Amino acid sequence: MTSPALAMPIVDNERADVLDALRSFALLGILISHVPGFSGYEWMTQGEQASLDRFGIDAPLAAVEEFLIRGKFFSLFSLLFGIGFAVQLESAMRRGADFSRHFTRRLAILFVIGMTHALIWYGDILKDYALIGLLLILTARWSAAASAWAAASVLIQRALWPWAVFALVSGLAPLKQDANPADDFFALARAFEGTDAAAMFAANLDLVGLKALQMIYDGKAVSVLGMFLLGAYIGKRRLYRDLGSNATTFRRVLYLAAPIGILGNVALVPLHGMTPDYPPSTMWAVEQSLFAIAVPAMTLAYASAFALAWQHWSGGLLRLLAPAGRMALTTYVSQTLICAGLFYGIGLGRLGTIGLAECFGVAIAIFTLQCVVSAMWLSLFRFGPLEWLWRRATYGVPLPMLRRPTLAA
């Protein structure tokens, strides 16, 4: 039976609005990176892409996306998951609750939601977060310093990971030079153009399997764990609680991380463009190792710059981001539903009809709408719909959905 102490979700005054706003910012970047995949642009030939470049700016936009977005916002979202773990741990310890039991149940529910989401869209990350997040339970009693050392160790291993993959594949299961699993991926994705729901479902399941292999191949699972641990360190240090007192720390992180992130990603733009993902090669290993350093550095630069900016502009534009981040689960899943409805054959069938510039525009328009709807929703309800479902299943007790009406004088 659930104890009263455990059956209490984090209340509003325990939340840090800066985390909600930063989470929303991460979701914007994730959506911008996902729309080219949903629209079909990502898996077109260069000739097909060129035919859709109506404004003549898709090539520079691709470089901008590579430099500013690829991998960074996913990494930022993972960092925030780790911070959330530390926030929940602190709350449970203050109430004397059984955190391990609570967090395990929470992750189990997230895994079910993620698997359901994956049946709709192969790119789901929630199920992976749920599985990798179980490792965080082992660190619950660790000090902040121990979490920092663990994060550094895992991120170093992530930089070495591509060399291990290269050696393993080359030595035990060498691929033919013309082998490219991406061709299988793109062929399966073509099923989304049609109106045969059964064929789409079957192709999506196959793509879920390919995505799982990719998580291992390119070290993405290791990256997730590393950012989880780094986020846990930040959360245990409570750096997000008093931004003014920690401003010096944020500046130091920014001044250190930004040059590494900028220089690393400047090198990555041409390197990624000329390096095939398959089969693994020496240049692929170099690119992936650089990616493992440059992306976390840029992520930390984004996070620290956002924290510094929040101190000056938290009452304006930045605060408008918070509602979508407060209901991040609903925001993330609804992005899939909107994009599938816009582009897939069973929806409006716009797949393969827009270029990269238009993909960016669609992503920003969708996100803007989500911010407006989220603010309206949270003015009436305490949780987003999927957040309420997640909490209701986790705590096992009734949770009021509607906000209490204020008493008029």
Protein backbone atom coordinates (compact mmCIF):
# COMPACT_ATOMS: atom_id res chain seq x y z
CA MET A 1 0.00 0.00 0.00
CA THR A 2 1.30 3.45 -0.87
CA SER A 3 2.28 5.53 2.14
CA PRO A 4 0.86 9.05 2.53
CA ALA A 5 4.39 10.46 2.33
CA LEU A 6 5.01 8.74 -0.95
CA ALA A 7 1.66 9.68 -2.43
CA MET A 8 2.61 13.31 -2.84
CA PRO A 9 3.83 14.62 -6.16
CA ILE A 10 6.10 17.63 -6.18
CA VAL A 11 3.95 20.70 -5.60
CA ASP A 12 4.25 23.94 -7.51
CA ASN A 13 6.34 25.79 -4.92
CA GLU A 14 8.95 23.03 -5.02
CA ARG A 15 9.43 23.39 -8.76
CA ALA A 16 12.13 25.55 -10.32
CA ASP A 17 10.61 27.52 -13.18
CA VAL A 18 14.00 27.81 -14.83
CA LEU A 19 14.09 24.01 -15.21
CA ASP A 20 10.64 23.99 -16.82
CA ALA A 21 11.64 26.76 -19.22
CA LEU A 22 14.95 25.06 -20.06
CA ARG A 23 13.12 21.77 -20.62
CA SER A 24 10.80 23.57 -23.02
CA PHE A 25 13.80 25.05 -24.83
CA ALA A 26 15.20 21.52 -25.20
CA LEU A 27 11.90 20.31 -26.65
CA LEU A 28 12.00 23.09 -29.24
CA GLY A 29 15.43 21.96 -30.41
CA ILE A 30 14.35 18.32 -30.44
CA LEU A 31 11.31 19.17 -32.56
CA ILE A 32 13.40 21.15 -35.06
CA SER A 33 15.69 18.14 -35.44
CA HIS A 34 12.76 15.71 -35.81
CA VAL A 35 10.55 17.48 -38.34
CA PRO A 36 12.89 16.72 -41.31
CA GLY A 37 12.50 13.05 -40.44
CA PHE A 38 8.72 13.21 -40.13
CA SER A 39 8.43 15.20 -43.37
CA GLY A 40 10.58 12.73 -45.29
CA TYR A 41 13.25 15.33 -46.11
CA GLU A 42 15.88 13.53 -44.04
CA TRP A 43 15.79 10.36 -46.14
CA MET A 44 15.49 11.87 -49.60
CA THR A 45 18.28 11.80 -52.18
CA GLN A 46 20.31 14.97 -52.64
CA GLY A 47 18.51 15.59 -55.91
CA GLU A 48 15.09 15.31 -54.25
CA GLN A 49 16.17 17.65 -51.48
CA ALA A 50 17.50 20.18 -53.97
CA SER A 51 14.17 20.20 -55.83
CA LEU A 52 12.43 21.31 -52.62
CA ASP A 53 14.87 24.12 -51.83
CA ARG A 54 12.46 26.90 -52.79
CA PHE A 55 14.38 29.66 -51.00
CA GLY A 56 17.91 28.57 -51.87
CA ILE A 57 18.99 28.44 -48.21
CA ASP A 58 18.67 24.77 -47.30
CA ALA A 59 22.42 24.08 -47.59
CA PRO A 60 23.46 26.79 -45.10
CA LEU A 61 20.52 25.83 -42.88
CA ALA A 62 21.77 22.24 -42.83
CA ALA A 63 25.15 23.51 -41.64
CA VAL A 64 23.44 25.64 -38.97
CA GLU A 65 21.40 22.64 -37.84
CA GLU A 66 24.55 20.54 -37.64
CA PHE A 67 26.39 23.22 -35.66
CA LEU A 68 23.69 24.38 -33.26
CA ILE A 69 21.20 21.54 -32.93
CA ARG A 70 22.34 18.01 -33.84
CA GLY A 71 22.65 16.09 -30.59
CA LYS A 72 22.70 19.15 -28.33
CA PHE A 73 19.05 19.37 -27.33
CA PHE A 74 18.71 15.64 -26.87
CA SER A 75 21.77 15.89 -24.61
CA LEU A 76 20.18 18.82 -22.77
CA PHE A 77 16.96 16.87 -22.26
CA SER A 78 19.00 14.00 -20.80
CA LEU A 79 20.80 16.42 -18.48
CA LEU A 80 17.44 17.70 -17.23
CA PHE A 81 16.25 14.13 -16.62
CA GLY A 82 19.23 13.66 -14.30
CA ILE A 83 18.44 16.92 -12.50
CA GLY A 84 14.84 15.76 -12.13
CA PHE A 85 16.09 12.54 -10.54
CA ALA A 86 18.01 14.56 -7.93
CA VAL A 87 15.00 16.82 -7.28
CA GLN A 88 12.74 13.81 -6.66
CA LEU A 89 15.41 12.19 -4.49
CA GLU A 90 15.66 15.30 -2.31
CA SER A 91 11.88 15.52 -2.01
CA ALA A 92 11.56 11.84 -1.04
CA MET A 93 14.34 12.09 1.57
CA ARG A 94 12.69 15.14 3.11
CA ARG A 95 9.41 13.22 3.46
CA GLY A 96 11.05 9.99 4.61
CA ALA A 97 9.67 8.11 1.60
CA ASP A 98 11.03 4.93 -0.01
CA PHE A 99 12.65 6.57 -3.00
CA SER A 100 13.94 3.44 -4.74
CA ARG A 101 10.51 1.86 -4.79
CA HIS A 102 8.89 5.08 -5.94
CA PHE A 103 11.41 5.82 -8.69
CA THR A 104 11.35 2.24 -9.99
CA ARG A 105 7.57 2.39 -10.27
CA ARG A 106 7.81 5.78 -11.94
CA LEU A 107 10.24 4.44 -14.53
CA ALA A 108 8.10 1.36 -15.12
CA ILE A 109 5.12 3.57 -15.97
CA LEU A 110 7.35 5.71 -18.20
CA PHE A 111 8.50 2.57 -20.01
CA VAL A 112 4.89 1.59 -20.73
CA ILE A 113 4.15 5.10 -22.03
CA GLY A 114 7.33 5.02 -24.11
CA MET A 115 6.57 1.62 -25.64
CA THR A 116 3.07 2.79 -26.52
CA HIS A 117 4.56 5.89 -28.09
CA ALA A 118 7.09 3.76 -29.98
CA LEU A 119 4.24 1.85 -31.63
CA ILE A 120 3.32 5.17 -33.24
CA TRP A 121 6.81 6.52 -33.85
CA TYR A 122 10.05 4.57 -33.97
CA GLY A 123 12.13 7.50 -32.65
CA ASP A 124 10.72 7.39 -29.10
CA ILE A 125 13.32 7.99 -26.38
CA LEU A 126 11.10 7.57 -23.31
CA LYS A 127 11.47 3.79 -23.15
CA ASP A 128 15.26 4.17 -23.34
CA TYR A 129 15.23 6.77 -20.58
CA ALA A 130 13.19 4.41 -18.43
CA LEU A 131 15.64 1.53 -18.86
CA ILE A 132 18.83 3.56 -18.51
CA GLY A 133 17.31 5.53 -15.65
CA LEU A 134 17.23 2.38 -13.52
CA LEU A 135 21.00 2.75 -13.14
CA LEU A 136 20.46 6.08 -11.38
CA ILE A 137 18.86 4.25 -8.45
CA LEU A 138 22.27 2.75 -7.66
CA THR A 139 23.63 6.29 -7.22
CA ALA A 140 20.89 7.59 -4.92
CA ARG A 141 23.14 7.61 -1.85
CA TRP A 142 26.17 8.94 -3.69
CA SER A 143 27.54 12.37 -2.90
CA ALA A 144 27.49 15.09 -5.51
CA ALA A 145 31.24 14.62 -6.00
CA ALA A 146 30.81 10.88 -6.61
CA SER A 147 28.14 11.58 -9.22
CA ALA A 148 30.48 14.07 -10.92
CA TRP A 149 33.33 11.56 -11.09
CA ALA A 150 30.97 8.89 -12.43
CA ALA A 151 29.67 11.30 -15.09
CA ALA A 152 33.21 12.18 -16.18
CA SER A 153 34.15 8.49 -16.34
CA VAL A 154 31.13 7.58 -18.48
CA LEU A 155 31.62 10.53 -20.84
CA ILE A 156 35.27 9.58 -21.32
CA GLN A 157 34.16 6.05 -22.12
CA ARG A 158 31.69 7.54 -24.62
CA ALA A 159 34.60 9.24 -26.41
CA LEU A 160 36.42 5.88 -26.59
CA TRP A 161 33.30 3.93 -27.57
CA PRO A 162 33.56 4.39 -31.38
CA TRP A 163 37.09 3.03 -31.39
CA ALA A 164 35.88 -0.11 -29.61
CA VAL A 165 33.03 -0.47 -32.11
CA PHE A 166 35.41 0.05 -35.03
CA ALA A 167 37.83 -2.58 -33.70
CA LEU A 168 35.05 -5.05 -32.93
CA VAL A 169 33.31 -4.74 -36.29
CA SER A 170 36.53 -4.73 -38.26
CA GLY A 171 37.92 -7.72 -36.41
CA LEU A 172 34.91 -9.95 -35.86
CA ALA A 173 32.21 -8.97 -38.32
CA PRO A 174 33.67 -6.81 -41.09
CA LEU A 175 31.09 -5.11 -43.29
CA LYS A 176 31.36 -4.82 -47.05
CA GLN A 177 32.45 -1.40 -48.19
CA ASP A 178 29.13 -0.83 -49.96
CA ALA A 179 27.05 -1.99 -46.98
CA ASN A 180 24.79 0.71 -45.58
CA PRO A 181 22.04 -0.15 -43.07
CA ALA A 182 20.73 3.37 -43.62
CA ASP A 183 19.37 2.15 -46.96
CA ASP A 184 17.19 -0.37 -45.10
CA PHE A 185 16.08 2.39 -42.74
CA PHE A 186 15.08 4.72 -45.57
CA ALA A 187 13.30 1.94 -47.46
CA LEU A 188 11.19 1.12 -44.40
CA ALA A 189 10.43 4.80 -43.80
CA ARG A 190 8.88 5.03 -47.27
CA ALA A 191 5.92 3.08 -45.89
CA PHE A 192 4.75 6.26 -44.14
CA GLU A 193 3.93 7.78 -47.53
CA GLY A 194 1.08 5.33 -48.06
CA THR A 195 -2.34 4.93 -46.50
CA ASP A 196 -1.94 1.27 -45.50
CA ALA A 197 -1.98 1.50 -41.69
CA ALA A 198 -0.95 -2.14 -41.26
CA ALA A 199 2.10 -1.70 -43.50
CA MET A 200 3.06 1.46 -41.63
CA PHE A 201 2.74 -0.29 -38.28
CA ALA A 202 4.91 -3.21 -39.44
CA ALA A 203 7.57 -0.87 -40.87
CA ASN A 204 7.56 1.17 -37.69
CA LEU A 205 8.22 -1.95 -35.59
CA ASP A 206 11.19 -2.82 -37.78
CA LEU A 207 12.49 0.72 -37.41
CA VAL A 208 12.20 0.48 -33.61
CA GLY A 209 14.60 -2.46 -33.77
CA LEU A 210 17.03 -0.56 -36.02
CA LYS A 211 16.91 2.42 -33.67
CA ALA A 212 17.77 0.18 -30.71
CA LEU A 213 20.83 -1.10 -32.57
CA GLN A 214 21.80 2.45 -33.47
CA MET A 215 21.64 3.45 -29.78
CA ILE A 216 24.38 0.88 -29.14
CA TYR A 217 26.36 1.36 -32.35
CA ASP A 218 26.90 5.10 -32.06
CA GLY A 219 27.12 5.17 -28.25
CA LYS A 220 23.94 7.14 -27.71
CA ALA A 221 22.97 4.98 -24.75
CA VAL A 222 26.33 5.74 -23.12
CA SER A 223 25.79 9.46 -23.77
CA VAL A 224 22.39 9.31 -22.09
CA LEU A 225 23.85 7.72 -18.96
CA GLY A 226 26.68 10.24 -18.83
CA MET A 227 24.30 13.20 -19.05
CA PHE A 228 21.98 11.59 -16.49
CA LEU A 229 24.87 11.42 -14.02
CA LEU A 230 25.99 14.96 -14.82
CA GLY A 231 22.44 16.18 -14.25
CA ALA A 232 22.30 14.28 -10.95
CA TYR A 233 25.46 16.11 -9.87
CA ILE A 234 23.92 19.49 -10.75
CA GLY A 235 20.72 18.55 -8.93
CA LYS A 236 22.53 17.35 -5.81
CA ARG A 237 24.53 20.60 -5.78
CA ARG A 238 21.17 22.42 -6.03
CA LEU A 239 22.68 24.88 -8.50
CA TYR A 240 19.27 25.63 -10.01
CA ARG A 241 17.79 26.78 -6.68
CA ASP A 242 19.61 30.10 -6.34
CA LEU A 243 20.82 31.28 -9.71
CA GLY A 244 22.14 34.59 -8.38
CA SER A 245 24.45 32.98 -5.82
CA ASN A 246 25.69 30.50 -8.43
CA ALA A 247 26.17 33.03 -11.22
CA THR A 248 29.96 32.82 -10.94
CA THR A 249 29.81 29.04 -11.39
CA PHE A 250 27.61 29.39 -14.47
CA ARG A 251 29.99 31.96 -15.98
CA ARG A 252 32.97 29.69 -15.43
CA VAL A 253 31.17 26.78 -17.06
CA LEU A 254 30.14 28.98 -19.98
CA TYR A 255 33.65 30.36 -20.51
CA LEU A 256 35.13 26.86 -20.44
CA ALA A 257 32.46 24.91 -22.33
CA ALA A 258 31.58 27.40 -25.06
CA PRO A 259 35.00 27.50 -26.78
CA ILE A 260 35.25 23.70 -26.71
CA GLY A 261 31.71 23.34 -28.04
CA ILE A 262 32.11 26.00 -30.74
CA LEU A 263 35.48 24.82 -32.05
CA GLY A 264 34.46 21.16 -31.86
CA ASN A 265 31.23 21.69 -33.74
CA VAL A 266 32.90 23.90 -36.36
CA ALA A 267 35.10 20.90 -37.12
CA LEU A 268 32.16 18.50 -37.00
CA VAL A 269 30.11 20.26 -39.70
CA PRO A 270 32.35 19.32 -42.66
CA LEU A 271 33.59 16.13 -41.01
CA HIS A 272 30.09 14.71 -40.59
CA GLY A 273 29.16 15.66 -44.13
CA MET A 274 31.98 13.68 -45.69
CA THR A 275 32.08 10.69 -43.32
CA PRO A 276 29.68 7.77 -43.93
CA ASP A 277 28.09 6.22 -40.86
CA TYR A 278 28.58 2.73 -42.30
CA PRO A 279 30.80 0.83 -42.34
CA PRO A 280 32.74 2.15 -39.34
CA SER A 281 36.07 3.61 -40.37
CA THR A 282 38.95 5.46 -38.79
CA MET A 283 37.42 8.79 -39.83
CA TRP A 284 34.05 7.71 -38.44
CA ALA A 285 35.69 6.93 -35.10
CA VAL A 286 37.43 10.32 -35.11
CA GLU A 287 34.15 12.08 -35.88
CA GLN A 288 32.24 10.20 -33.20
CA SER A 289 34.92 10.85 -30.57
CA LEU A 290 34.87 14.55 -31.40
CA PHE A 291 31.06 14.48 -31.24
CA ALA A 292 31.29 12.91 -27.76
CA ILE A 293 33.33 15.90 -26.57
CA ALA A 294 31.87 18.82 -28.52
CA VAL A 295 28.17 18.05 -27.96
CA PRO A 296 28.23 17.83 -24.12
CA ALA A 297 30.38 20.98 -24.07
CA MET A 298 27.86 22.88 -26.21
CA THR A 299 25.05 21.49 -24.06
CA LEU A 300 26.66 22.86 -20.90
CA ALA A 301 27.21 26.17 -22.65
CA TYR A 302 23.52 26.33 -23.54
CA ALA A 303 22.42 25.43 -20.01
CA SER A 304 24.74 27.89 -18.27
CA ALA A 305 23.90 30.71 -20.71
CA PHE A 306 20.19 30.03 -20.17
CA ALA A 307 20.64 30.16 -16.39
CA LEU A 308 22.45 33.50 -16.65
CA ALA A 309 19.84 34.90 -19.03
CA TRP A 310 17.04 33.77 -16.71
CA GLN A 311 18.27 36.18 -14.04
CA HIS A 312 17.59 39.15 -16.33
CA TRP A 313 14.67 38.05 -18.53
CA SER A 314 12.76 35.52 -16.43
CA GLY A 315 9.75 37.84 -16.31
CA GLY A 316 9.41 38.04 -20.08
CA LEU A 317 9.92 35.77 -23.05
CA LEU A 318 11.80 33.03 -21.22
CA ARG A 319 8.99 32.53 -18.71
CA LEU A 320 6.58 31.95 -21.60
CA LEU A 321 8.48 28.73 -22.25
CA ALA A 322 7.80 27.27 -18.80
CA PRO A 323 4.25 25.86 -19.31
CA ALA A 324 5.27 23.61 -22.22
CA GLY A 325 8.21 22.38 -20.16
CA ARG A 326 6.07 21.78 -17.09
CA MET A 327 4.00 19.35 -19.15
CA ALA A 328 7.00 18.07 -21.12
CA LEU A 329 5.71 14.51 -21.51
CA THR A 330 2.49 15.72 -23.13
CA THR A 331 4.44 18.22 -25.24
CA TYR A 332 6.85 15.56 -26.49
CA VAL A 333 4.20 12.97 -27.39
CA SER A 334 1.85 15.53 -28.93
CA GLN A 335 4.68 16.63 -31.24
CA THR A 336 4.62 13.11 -32.67
CA LEU A 337 0.85 13.12 -33.12
CA ILE A 338 0.87 16.53 -34.81
CA CYS A 339 3.76 15.68 -37.16
CA ALA A 340 2.33 12.27 -38.07
CA GLY A 341 -1.02 13.92 -38.77
CA LEU A 342 0.60 16.53 -40.98
CA PHE A 343 2.96 14.36 -43.00
CA TYR A 344 1.98 10.68 -42.99
CA GLY A 345 -0.25 9.18 -45.65
CA ILE A 346 -2.95 8.36 -43.11
CA GLY A 347 -3.02 12.07 -42.20
CA LEU A 348 -2.74 15.08 -44.49
CA GLY A 349 -0.14 13.31 -46.61
CA ARG A 350 2.36 16.17 -46.86
CA LEU A 351 5.35 13.84 -46.68
CA GLY A 352 8.05 14.71 -49.20
CA THR A 353 6.63 18.12 -50.05
CA ILE A 354 8.70 20.65 -48.07
CA GLY A 355 12.35 21.64 -47.87
CA LEU A 356 14.53 22.18 -44.85
CA ALA A 357 13.67 25.86 -44.40
CA GLU A 358 9.98 24.99 -44.33
CA CYS A 359 10.71 22.17 -41.87
CA PHE A 360 12.22 24.74 -39.52
CA GLY A 361 9.20 26.99 -39.95
CA VAL A 362 6.76 24.15 -39.28
CA ALA A 363 8.65 23.17 -36.13
CA ILE A 364 8.62 26.72 -34.75
CA ALA A 365 4.91 27.11 -35.57
CA ILE A 366 4.03 23.83 -33.82
CA PHE A 367 6.07 24.72 -30.77
CA THR A 368 4.56 28.20 -30.53
CA LEU A 369 1.10 26.65 -30.61
CA GLN A 370 2.12 24.19 -27.91
CA CYS A 371 3.33 27.02 -25.66
CA VAL A 372 0.01 28.83 -26.00
CA VAL A 373 -2.09 25.71 -25.43
CA SER A 374 0.07 24.62 -22.48
CA ALA A 375 -0.37 27.99 -20.75
CA MET A 376 -4.14 27.85 -21.26
CA TRP A 377 -4.31 24.25 -20.04
CA LEU A 378 -2.29 24.89 -16.87
CA SER A 379 -4.44 27.89 -16.03
CA LEU A 380 -7.26 25.38 -15.50
CA PHE A 381 -5.50 22.14 -14.55
CA ARG A 382 -2.66 21.22 -12.22
CA PHE A 383 -1.01 18.76 -14.62
CA GLY A 384 -0.78 18.02 -18.30
CA PRO A 385 -2.95 15.02 -19.33
CA LEU A 386 -0.07 12.56 -19.65
CA GLU A 387 1.62 13.99 -16.55
CA TRP A 388 -1.56 13.35 -14.57
CA LEU A 389 -1.74 9.80 -15.91
CA TRP A 390 1.92 9.19 -15.05
CA ARG A 391 1.52 10.51 -11.51
CA ARG A 392 -1.79 8.74 -10.96
CA ALA A 393 -0.27 5.40 -11.94
CA THR A 394 2.93 6.05 -9.96
CA TYR A 395 1.39 7.15 -6.66
CA GLY A 396 -1.63 4.88 -6.80
CA VAL A 397 -3.96 7.39 -5.19
CA PRO A 398 -6.51 9.87 -6.61
CA LEU A 399 -4.95 13.18 -7.65
CA PRO A 400 -7.06 16.30 -8.20
CA MET A 401 -6.77 17.52 -11.76
CA LEU A 402 -8.55 20.86 -11.57
CA ARG A 403 -6.94 23.82 -9.87
CA ARG A 404 -8.78 25.05 -6.78
CA PRO A 405 -10.83 28.14 -7.55
CA THR A 406 -9.65 31.28 -5.74
CA LEU A 407 -12.06 32.94 -3.32
CA ALA A 408 -13.23 36.38 -4.34
CA ALA A 409 -13.50 39.09 -1.72
